[in-house]
Amino acid sequence: METIKHVRVIQDFGRLTDDEVVSTGTAVVAGLTNNKHFQTLPYDLNQLQTDVASLTAAIATAILKAHPERRLRRAIDTYPPAA
């Protein structure tokens, strides 16, 4: 009878930037897709890929919303112009 070893990987994503989290998720999907050493996974890779794509879209949306607000705040901070 084959002994199965359970491995639990703990990764702290709290200190990573958004881009680093997306890069890590993308690397995990790429590294595990069609990998003969990891055929049975506890998590669906298609779901992980969807989650990474959703995170990427959320980051892009947040950036698009932040830039106009940032410009508006700078305009308010510099009004009235210095004489």
C-alpha atoms as a PDB file:
ATOM      1  CA  MET A   1       0.000   0.000   0.000  1.00  0.00           C
ATOM      2  CA  GLU A   2       1.301   3.403  -0.994  1.00  0.00           C
ATOM      3  CA  THR A   3       1.720   6.008   1.735  1.00  0.00           C
ATOM      4  CA  ILE A   4       0.366   9.431   0.889  1.00  0.00           C
ATOM      5  CA  LYS A   5       2.176  12.394   2.377  1.00  0.00           C
ATOM      6  CA  HIS A   6       0.131  15.488   2.985  1.00  0.00           C
ATOM      7  CA  VAL A   7       1.981  18.710   2.336  1.00  0.00           C
ATOM      8  CA  ARG A   8       0.612  22.028   3.450  1.00  0.00           C
ATOM      9  CA  VAL A   9       2.220  25.092   1.935  1.00  0.00           C
ATOM     10  CA  ILE A  10       1.751  28.327   3.787  1.00  0.00           C
ATOM     11  CA  GLN A  11       2.374  31.489   1.827  1.00  0.00           C
ATOM     12  CA  ASP A  12       1.858  34.947   3.268  1.00  0.00           C
ATOM     13  CA  PHE A  13       0.410  37.101   0.500  1.00  0.00           C
ATOM     14  CA  GLY A  14      -0.257  40.051   2.806  1.00  0.00           C
ATOM     15  CA  ARG A  15       3.063  41.708   2.109  1.00  0.00           C
ATOM     16  CA  LEU A  16       3.050  41.177  -1.644  1.00  0.00           C
ATOM     17  CA  THR A  17       2.008  43.873  -4.065  1.00  0.00           C
ATOM     18  CA  ASP A  18      -1.022  43.290  -6.265  1.00  0.00           C
ATOM     19  CA  ASP A  19       1.225  42.597  -9.245  1.00  0.00           C
ATOM     20  CA  GLU A  20       3.222  40.038  -7.264  1.00  0.00           C
ATOM     21  CA  VAL A  21       0.041  38.188  -6.257  1.00  0.00           C
ATOM     22  CA  VAL A  22      -1.116  38.096  -9.891  1.00  0.00           C
ATOM     23  CA  SER A  23       2.340  36.920 -11.030  1.00  0.00           C
ATOM     24  CA  THR A  24       2.396  34.195  -8.376  1.00  0.00           C
ATOM     25  CA  GLY A  25      -1.086  32.979  -9.305  1.00  0.00           C
ATOM     26  CA  THR A  26      -0.201  32.965 -12.998  1.00  0.00           C
ATOM     27  CA  ALA A  27       3.015  31.046 -12.284  1.00  0.00           C
ATOM     28  CA  VAL A  28       1.134  28.458 -10.203  1.00  0.00           C
ATOM     29  CA  VAL A  29      -1.385  27.888 -12.990  1.00  0.00           C
ATOM     30  CA  ALA A  30       1.381  27.628 -15.603  1.00  0.00           C
ATOM     31  CA  GLY A  31       3.499  25.324 -13.453  1.00  0.00           C
ATOM     32  CA  LEU A  32       0.705  22.930 -12.534  1.00  0.00           C
ATOM     33  CA  THR A  33      -1.136  22.731 -15.860  1.00  0.00           C
ATOM     34  CA  ASN A  34      -0.444  19.306 -17.426  1.00  0.00           C
ATOM     35  CA  ASN A  35       2.223  18.578 -14.797  1.00  0.00           C
ATOM     36  CA  LYS A  36       2.611  14.814 -14.503  1.00  0.00           C
ATOM     37  CA  HIS A  37       3.820  15.128 -10.898  1.00  0.00           C
ATOM     38  CA  PHE A  38       0.675  16.932  -9.772  1.00  0.00           C
ATOM     39  CA  GLN A  39      -2.221  15.221 -11.490  1.00  0.00           C
ATOM     40  CA  THR A  40      -4.700  15.307  -8.613  1.00  0.00           C
ATOM     41  CA  LEU A  41      -4.952  18.743  -7.084  1.00  0.00           C
ATOM     42  CA  PRO A  42      -7.105  19.909  -4.170  1.00  0.00           C
ATOM     43  CA  TYR A  43      -8.074  23.027  -6.135  1.00  0.00           C
ATOM     44  CA  ASP A  44      -9.397  23.348  -9.666  1.00  0.00           C
ATOM     45  CA  LEU A  45      -6.818  25.083 -11.863  1.00  0.00           C
ATOM     46  CA  ASN A  46      -9.525  26.514 -14.109  1.00  0.00           C
ATOM     47  CA  GLN A  47     -11.062  28.181 -11.057  1.00  0.00           C
ATOM     48  CA  LEU A  48      -7.664  29.518  -9.992  1.00  0.00           C
ATOM     49  CA  GLN A  49      -7.098  30.924 -13.471  1.00  0.00           C
ATOM     50  CA  THR A  50     -10.541  32.573 -13.341  1.00  0.00           C
ATOM     51  CA  ASP A  51      -9.759  34.013  -9.901  1.00  0.00           C
ATOM     52  CA  VAL A  52      -6.449  35.443 -11.128  1.00  0.00           C
ATOM     53  CA  ALA A  53      -8.208  37.014 -14.131  1.00  0.00           C
ATOM     54  CA  SER A  54     -10.853  38.505 -11.809  1.00  0.00           C
ATOM     55  CA  LEU A  55      -8.161  39.960  -9.566  1.00  0.00           C
ATOM     56  CA  THR A  56      -6.393  41.446 -12.586  1.00  0.00           C
ATOM     57  CA  ALA A  57      -9.641  43.061 -13.753  1.00  0.00           C
ATOM     58  CA  ALA A  58     -10.349  44.424 -10.261  1.00  0.00           C
ATOM     59  CA  ILE A  59      -6.868  45.953 -10.078  1.00  0.00           C
ATOM     60  CA  ALA A  60      -7.322  47.583 -13.492  1.00  0.00           C
ATOM     61  CA  THR A  61     -10.719  48.983 -12.469  1.00  0.00           C
ATOM     62  CA  ALA A  62      -9.290  50.399  -9.246  1.00  0.00           C
ATOM     63  CA  ILE A  63      -6.432  52.067 -11.151  1.00  0.00           C
ATOM     64  CA  LEU A  64      -8.815  53.615 -13.683  1.00  0.00           C
ATOM     65  CA  LYS A  65     -11.000  55.003 -10.905  1.00  0.00           C
ATOM     66  CA  ALA A  66      -8.050  56.281  -8.874  1.00  0.00           C
ATOM     67  CA  HIS A  67      -6.356  58.383 -11.567  1.00  0.00           C
ATOM     68  CA  PRO A  68      -9.181  60.908 -12.193  1.00  0.00           C
ATOM     69  CA  GLU A  69      -9.760  61.259  -8.451  1.00  0.00           C
ATOM     70  CA  ARG A  70      -6.053  61.806  -7.865  1.00  0.00           C
ATOM     71  CA  ARG A  71      -5.959  64.529 -10.545  1.00  0.00           C
ATOM     72  CA  LEU A  72      -9.021  66.182  -8.996  1.00  0.00           C
ATOM     73  CA  ARG A  73      -7.455  66.162  -5.529  1.00  0.00           C
ATOM     74  CA  ARG A  74      -4.239  67.672  -6.889  1.00  0.00           C
ATOM     75  CA  ALA A  75      -6.239  70.408  -8.620  1.00  0.00           C
ATOM     76  CA  ILE A  76      -8.066  71.190  -5.368  1.00  0.00           C
ATOM     77  CA  ASP A  77      -4.818  71.145  -3.366  1.00  0.00           C
ATOM     78  CA  THR A  78      -3.172  73.661  -5.708  1.00  0.00           C
ATOM     79  CA  TYR A  79      -6.123  76.082  -5.802  1.00  0.00           C
ATOM     80  CA  PRO A  80      -5.835  79.014  -5.495  1.00  0.00           C
ATOM     81  CA  PRO A  81      -2.625  79.292  -7.464  1.00  0.00           C
ATOM     82  CA  ALA A  82       0.340  80.788  -5.633  1.00  0.00           C
ATOM     83  CA  ALA A  83       0.903  84.442  -6.451  1.00  0.00           C
END
